[in-house]
Protein backbone atom coordinates (compact mmCIF):
# COMPACT_ATOMS: atom_id res chain seq x y z
CA MET A 1 -25.60 -53.38 -42.71
CA THR A 2 -23.25 -55.52 -44.77
CA THR A 3 -20.55 -54.09 -47.00
CA ASN A 4 -22.71 -54.73 -50.09
CA GLU A 5 -25.70 -52.78 -48.75
CA ARG A 6 -26.10 -49.11 -49.53
CA PRO A 7 -27.85 -46.74 -47.15
CA LYS A 8 -31.43 -46.17 -48.26
CA ARG A 9 -32.22 -42.71 -49.62
CA LYS A 10 -35.46 -40.81 -49.32
CA HIS A 11 -37.12 -39.52 -52.50
CA ILE A 12 -40.09 -37.31 -53.32
CA ALA A 13 -41.78 -36.13 -56.50
CA CYS A 14 -43.69 -32.89 -56.00
CA GLY A 15 -46.10 -33.98 -58.72
CA ASP A 16 -47.43 -36.56 -56.25
CA VAL A 17 -48.58 -33.63 -54.09
CA VAL A 18 -49.08 -30.81 -56.62
CA ALA A 19 -50.35 -31.97 -60.00
CA GLY A 20 -48.13 -30.98 -62.90
CA CYS A 21 -45.01 -30.09 -60.89
CA ALA A 22 -41.85 -31.81 -62.17
CA PHE A 23 -39.66 -31.11 -59.10
CA THR A 24 -38.01 -34.13 -57.50
CA ALA A 25 -35.56 -34.41 -54.63
CA SER A 26 -33.65 -37.02 -52.72
CA ALA A 27 -31.71 -37.01 -49.46
CA GLU A 28 -30.16 -39.26 -46.86
CA ASP A 29 -32.92 -38.63 -44.31
CA ASP A 30 -36.37 -37.11 -43.82
CA GLN A 31 -35.05 -33.90 -42.26
CA GLU A 32 -32.80 -33.08 -45.22
CA LEU A 33 -35.53 -34.01 -47.70
CA ILE A 34 -38.17 -31.90 -45.94
CA ALA A 35 -35.79 -28.91 -46.01
CA LYS A 36 -35.40 -29.27 -49.79
CA VAL A 37 -39.16 -29.62 -50.24
CA ALA A 38 -39.86 -26.58 -48.05
CA GLU A 39 -37.43 -24.45 -50.04
CA HIS A 40 -39.01 -25.60 -53.32
CA ALA A 41 -42.55 -25.04 -52.03
CA ALA A 42 -41.74 -21.50 -50.90
CA HIS A 43 -39.85 -20.55 -54.07
CA ASP A 44 -41.97 -22.24 -56.75
CA HIS A 45 -45.41 -22.49 -55.15
CA GLY A 46 -45.45 -19.47 -52.83
CA VAL A 47 -46.10 -21.63 -49.76
CA GLU A 48 -45.40 -19.54 -46.67
CA HIS A 49 -47.11 -21.74 -44.07
CA VAL A 50 -47.32 -25.51 -44.14
CA THR A 51 -50.70 -26.71 -42.94
CA PRO A 52 -51.03 -30.05 -41.15
CA GLU A 53 -52.89 -31.38 -44.20
CA LEU A 54 -50.08 -30.39 -46.56
CA ALA A 55 -47.48 -31.87 -44.21
CA GLU A 56 -49.35 -35.20 -44.23
CA LYS A 57 -49.53 -35.20 -48.04
CA VAL A 58 -45.80 -34.57 -48.26
CA LYS A 59 -44.99 -37.29 -45.72
CA ALA A 60 -47.20 -39.74 -47.62
CA ALA A 61 -45.37 -38.95 -50.88
CA ILE A 62 -41.89 -39.77 -49.49
CA ARG A 63 -40.44 -43.00 -50.85
CA THR A 64 -37.41 -44.97 -49.72
CA ALA A 65 -35.08 -46.61 -52.21
């Protein structure tokens, strides 16, 4: 990485997974981002168990910028 390059951040918009949800998050890496998403999902959507299908939807919604 050159001195002019910034580390890429990971971003997610919950609305890409759950229609109508305005929650967004960003983090330095997938692990930190997934932790934020899991906390949001439990608190705002009542998600207690992440199914493999939901995990794939979340992974597909992660963007790098």
